Amino acid sequence: MRALLTTIDSFLDKEEPCATFHDALLISLRIDYERREVTTEWNICVGDPAASPGNRERRRRGRLCLMGVVFWTVEPEGGLLDGTPPWLTSDGPLWEAGTPTAHELSKRVPPGATSWYLYFSNWNAFAYCAAEGGIFEGTQ
């Protein structure tokens, strides 16, 4: 299990040097309460920003598996689920979110866990999570 860092990009390996969760789409989310695990599947950007348009927009699927989850919470999104995946446009350490919810949750993060926020633009909503470790696995 790899230690958590301040952004979820920290999980991405060197196989795709330009990979980033910025502009990623959250495809699925599974929470295992007994094991305290969250498994998320993403469609992430892996294209080189300096490449031709076809290579610049290249994407790849993968799973981010969090272990020792302390919390995973999502603010109510702006609309109903319509089959459009949540679009991640910002992430960072939990305290940087600056919201009352982030402030309150940051008090609950135990030593040894790392926490951060995820902001989904098309939902106009934050997700907040804290966990003791995790790993990213590419699936394509």
C-alpha atoms as a PDB file:
ATOM      1  CA  MET A   1       0.000   0.000   0.000  1.00  0.00           C
ATOM      2  CA  ARG A   2       1.459   3.318  -1.070  1.00  0.00           C
ATOM      3  CA  ALA A   3       1.174   6.325   1.267  1.00  0.00           C
ATOM      4  CA  LEU A   4      -1.239   9.099   0.341  1.00  0.00           C
ATOM      5  CA  LEU A   5       0.077  12.431  -0.783  1.00  0.00           C
ATOM      6  CA  THR A   6      -1.541  15.836  -1.128  1.00  0.00           C
ATOM      7  CA  THR A   7      -3.137  15.373  -4.564  1.00  0.00           C
ATOM      8  CA  ILE A   8      -4.596  12.366  -6.295  1.00  0.00           C
ATOM      9  CA  ASP A   9      -2.119  12.865  -9.163  1.00  0.00           C
ATOM     10  CA  SER A  10       0.459  11.507  -6.685  1.00  0.00           C
ATOM     11  CA  PHE A  11      -0.988   8.034  -7.343  1.00  0.00           C
ATOM     12  CA  LEU A  12      -0.229   8.049 -11.061  1.00  0.00           C
ATOM     13  CA  ASP A  13       2.808   6.038 -12.130  1.00  0.00           C
ATOM     14  CA  LYS A  14       5.476   6.993 -14.650  1.00  0.00           C
ATOM     15  CA  GLU A  15       3.997   4.756 -17.385  1.00  0.00           C
ATOM     16  CA  GLU A  16       2.006   7.779 -18.572  1.00  0.00           C
ATOM     17  CA  PRO A  17       4.226  10.794 -17.730  1.00  0.00           C
ATOM     18  CA  CYS A  18       1.564  13.371 -18.706  1.00  0.00           C
ATOM     19  CA  ALA A  19      -1.297  11.669 -16.858  1.00  0.00           C
ATOM     20  CA  THR A  20      -3.447  13.845 -14.637  1.00  0.00           C
ATOM     21  CA  PHE A  21      -6.770  13.614 -12.861  1.00  0.00           C
ATOM     22  CA  HIS A  22      -7.540  17.191 -13.967  1.00  0.00           C
ATOM     23  CA  ASP A  23     -10.530  16.933 -16.324  1.00  0.00           C
ATOM     24  CA  ALA A  24     -10.982  13.248 -15.410  1.00  0.00           C
ATOM     25  CA  LEU A  25     -14.415  11.641 -15.433  1.00  0.00           C
ATOM     26  CA  LEU A  26     -15.528   9.569 -12.444  1.00  0.00           C
ATOM     27  CA  ILE A  27     -17.097   6.446 -13.989  1.00  0.00           C
ATOM     28  CA  SER A  28     -17.958   4.441 -10.879  1.00  0.00           C
ATOM     29  CA  LEU A  29     -17.630   4.385  -7.110  1.00  0.00           C
ATOM     30  CA  ARG A  30     -17.801   1.382  -4.786  1.00  0.00           C
ATOM     31  CA  ILE A  31     -17.622   1.618  -1.000  1.00  0.00           C
ATOM     32  CA  ASP A  32     -16.838  -1.447   1.113  1.00  0.00           C
ATOM     33  CA  TYR A  33     -17.741  -0.427   4.653  1.00  0.00           C
ATOM     34  CA  GLU A  34     -16.440  -3.617   6.299  1.00  0.00           C
ATOM     35  CA  ARG A  35     -12.982  -3.305   4.733  1.00  0.00           C
ATOM     36  CA  ARG A  36     -12.968   0.510   4.846  1.00  0.00           C
ATOM     37  CA  GLU A  37     -12.138   0.645   1.131  1.00  0.00           C
ATOM     38  CA  VAL A  38     -13.306   2.902  -1.670  1.00  0.00           C
ATOM     39  CA  THR A  39     -12.721   1.869  -5.269  1.00  0.00           C
ATOM     40  CA  THR A  40     -13.259   4.486  -7.951  1.00  0.00           C
ATOM     41  CA  GLU A  41     -12.956   4.017 -11.702  1.00  0.00           C
ATOM     42  CA  TRP A  42     -11.817   6.985 -13.770  1.00  0.00           C
ATOM     43  CA  ASN A  43     -11.362   8.044 -17.366  1.00  0.00           C
ATOM     44  CA  ILE A  44      -8.220  10.165 -16.990  1.00  0.00           C
ATOM     45  CA  CYS A  45      -6.266  12.448 -19.302  1.00  0.00           C
ATOM     46  CA  VAL A  46      -2.920  10.963 -20.352  1.00  0.00           C
ATOM     47  CA  GLY A  47      -2.177  12.993 -23.490  1.00  0.00           C
ATOM     48  CA  ASP A  48       0.815  15.282 -23.841  1.00  0.00           C
ATOM     49  CA  PRO A  49      -0.368  18.940 -23.775  1.00  0.00           C
ATOM     50  CA  ALA A  50       2.393  19.811 -26.282  1.00  0.00           C
ATOM     51  CA  ALA A  51       1.392  17.062 -28.764  1.00  0.00           C
ATOM     52  CA  SER A  52      -0.856  17.215 -31.806  1.00  0.00           C
ATOM     53  CA  PRO A  53      -4.603  17.526 -31.055  1.00  0.00           C
ATOM     54  CA  GLY A  54      -5.253  13.767 -31.384  1.00  0.00           C
ATOM     55  CA  ASN A  55      -2.504  12.831 -28.916  1.00  0.00           C
ATOM     56  CA  ARG A  56      -3.190  15.793 -26.636  1.00  0.00           C
ATOM     57  CA  GLU A  57      -6.694  14.536 -25.795  1.00  0.00           C
ATOM     58  CA  ARG A  58      -5.748  10.882 -25.234  1.00  0.00           C
ATOM     59  CA  ARG A  59      -7.511   9.225 -22.266  1.00  0.00           C
ATOM     60  CA  ARG A  60      -7.159   6.020 -20.309  1.00  0.00           C
ATOM     61  CA  ARG A  61      -9.240   4.192 -17.715  1.00  0.00           C
ATOM     62  CA  GLY A  62      -7.971   3.186 -14.321  1.00  0.00           C
ATOM     63  CA  ARG A  63      -8.956   2.465 -10.729  1.00  0.00           C
ATOM     64  CA  LEU A  64      -8.031   4.439  -7.657  1.00  0.00           C
ATOM     65  CA  CYS A  65      -8.341   2.147  -4.631  1.00  0.00           C
ATOM     66  CA  LEU A  66      -8.241   3.781  -1.200  1.00  0.00           C
ATOM     67  CA  MET A  67      -7.617   1.719   1.930  1.00  0.00           C
ATOM     68  CA  GLY A  68      -8.217   2.581   5.558  1.00  0.00           C
ATOM     69  CA  VAL A  69     -10.882   5.053   4.512  1.00  0.00           C
ATOM     70  CA  VAL A  70     -11.886   7.436   7.282  1.00  0.00           C
ATOM     71  CA  PHE A  71     -14.593   9.194   5.260  1.00  0.00           C
ATOM     72  CA  TRP A  72     -15.867   9.736   1.722  1.00  0.00           C
ATOM     73  CA  THR A  73     -18.588  12.327   1.481  1.00  0.00           C
ATOM     74  CA  VAL A  74     -20.120  14.233  -1.419  1.00  0.00           C
ATOM     75  CA  GLU A  75     -22.104  17.448  -1.245  1.00  0.00           C
ATOM     76  CA  PRO A  76     -25.509  17.294  -2.915  1.00  0.00           C
ATOM     77  CA  GLU A  77     -24.934  17.768  -6.628  1.00  0.00           C
ATOM     78  CA  GLY A  78     -26.741  20.461  -8.578  1.00  0.00           C
ATOM     79  CA  GLY A  79     -28.941  18.060 -10.529  1.00  0.00           C
ATOM     80  CA  LEU A  80     -30.208  14.523 -10.777  1.00  0.00           C
ATOM     81  CA  LEU A  81     -28.057  11.652 -12.016  1.00  0.00           C
ATOM     82  CA  ASP A  82     -28.539  11.633 -15.775  1.00  0.00           C
ATOM     83  CA  GLY A  83     -25.822   9.234 -16.920  1.00  0.00           C
ATOM     84  CA  THR A  84     -23.197  11.975 -17.296  1.00  0.00           C
ATOM     85  CA  PRO A  85     -20.083  11.141 -15.254  1.00  0.00           C
ATOM     86  CA  PRO A  86     -18.921  13.731 -12.716  1.00  0.00           C
ATOM     87  CA  TRP A  87     -16.174  15.911 -14.254  1.00  0.00           C
ATOM     88  CA  LEU A  88     -13.224  16.540 -11.897  1.00  0.00           C
ATOM     89  CA  THR A  89     -11.697  19.980 -12.426  1.00  0.00           C
ATOM     90  CA  SER A  90      -9.909  20.627  -9.147  1.00  0.00           C
ATOM     91  CA  ASP A  91      -8.389  18.672  -6.248  1.00  0.00           C
ATOM     92  CA  GLY A  92      -6.017  19.305  -3.399  1.00  0.00           C
ATOM     93  CA  PRO A  93      -5.428  19.029   0.319  1.00  0.00           C
ATOM     94  CA  LEU A  94      -8.690  19.117   2.271  1.00  0.00           C
ATOM     95  CA  TRP A  95      -7.857  22.363   4.066  1.00  0.00           C
ATOM     96  CA  GLU A  96      -7.443  24.170   0.716  1.00  0.00           C
ATOM     97  CA  ALA A  97     -11.120  23.684  -0.193  1.00  0.00           C
ATOM     98  CA  GLY A  98     -12.032  26.543   2.143  1.00  0.00           C
ATOM     99  CA  THR A  99     -15.597  25.316   2.668  1.00  0.00           C
ATOM    100  CA  PRO A 100     -17.290  24.927   6.061  1.00  0.00           C
ATOM    101  CA  THR A 101     -17.644  21.177   5.393  1.00  0.00           C
ATOM    102  CA  ALA A 102     -13.927  20.822   4.628  1.00  0.00           C
ATOM    103  CA  HIS A 103     -13.060  22.757   7.778  1.00  0.00           C
ATOM    104  CA  GLU A 104     -15.264  20.517   9.928  1.00  0.00           C
ATOM    105  CA  LEU A 105     -14.034  17.268   8.328  1.00  0.00           C
ATOM    106  CA  SER A 106     -10.378  18.258   8.672  1.00  0.00           C
ATOM    107  CA  LYS A 107     -10.824  18.014  12.461  1.00  0.00           C
ATOM    108  CA  ARG A 108     -11.698  14.312  12.039  1.00  0.00           C
ATOM    109  CA  VAL A 109      -8.609  13.209  10.104  1.00  0.00           C
ATOM    110  CA  PRO A 110      -6.522  10.961  12.387  1.00  0.00           C
ATOM    111  CA  PRO A 111      -2.716  10.834  12.391  1.00  0.00           C
ATOM    112  CA  GLY A 112      -1.457   8.614   9.581  1.00  0.00           C
ATOM    113  CA  ALA A 113      -4.316   9.496   7.218  1.00  0.00           C
ATOM    114  CA  THR A 114      -4.292  12.016   4.396  1.00  0.00           C
ATOM    115  CA  SER A 115      -7.288  13.976   3.201  1.00  0.00           C
ATOM    116  CA  TRP A 116      -8.221  16.012   0.178  1.00  0.00           C
ATOM    117  CA  TYR A 117     -11.078  17.572  -1.732  1.00  0.00           C
ATOM    118  CA  LEU A 118     -12.329  16.845  -5.241  1.00  0.00           C
ATOM    119  CA  TYR A 119     -14.422  19.425  -7.106  1.00  0.00           C
ATOM    120  CA  PHE A 120     -16.780  18.273  -9.865  1.00  0.00           C
ATOM    121  CA  SER A 121     -17.720  21.190 -12.133  1.00  0.00           C
ATOM    122  CA  ASN A 122     -20.752  19.696 -13.825  1.00  0.00           C
ATOM    123  CA  TRP A 123     -22.241  18.936 -10.395  1.00  0.00           C
ATOM    124  CA  ASN A 124     -21.003  22.194  -8.839  1.00  0.00           C
ATOM    125  CA  ALA A 125     -20.184  20.032  -5.816  1.00  0.00           C
ATOM    126  CA  PHE A 126     -17.257  18.925  -3.680  1.00  0.00           C
ATOM    127  CA  ALA A 127     -16.363  15.416  -2.549  1.00  0.00           C
ATOM    128  CA  TYR A 128     -14.133  15.027   0.500  1.00  0.00           C
ATOM    129  CA  CYS A 129     -12.144  11.976   1.496  1.00  0.00           C
ATOM    130  CA  ALA A 130      -9.536  10.778   3.945  1.00  0.00           C
ATOM    131  CA  ALA A 131      -7.705   7.452   3.935  1.00  0.00           C
ATOM    132  CA  GLU A 132      -4.580   5.776   5.249  1.00  0.00           C
ATOM    133  CA  GLY A 133      -3.293   4.592   1.864  1.00  0.00           C
ATOM    134  CA  GLY A 134      -4.120   3.699  -1.674  1.00  0.00           C
ATOM    135  CA  ILE A 135      -2.978   2.744  -5.135  1.00  0.00           C
ATOM    136  CA  PHE A 136      -3.870   3.552  -8.742  1.00  0.00           C
ATOM    137  CA  GLU A 137      -4.093   0.746 -11.311  1.00  0.00           C
ATOM    138  CA  GLY A 138      -4.420   1.410 -15.015  1.00  0.00           C
ATOM    139  CA  THR A 139      -6.939  -0.846 -16.741  1.00  0.00           C
ATOM    140  CA  GLN A 140      -6.323  -0.112 -20.435  1.00  0.00           C
END
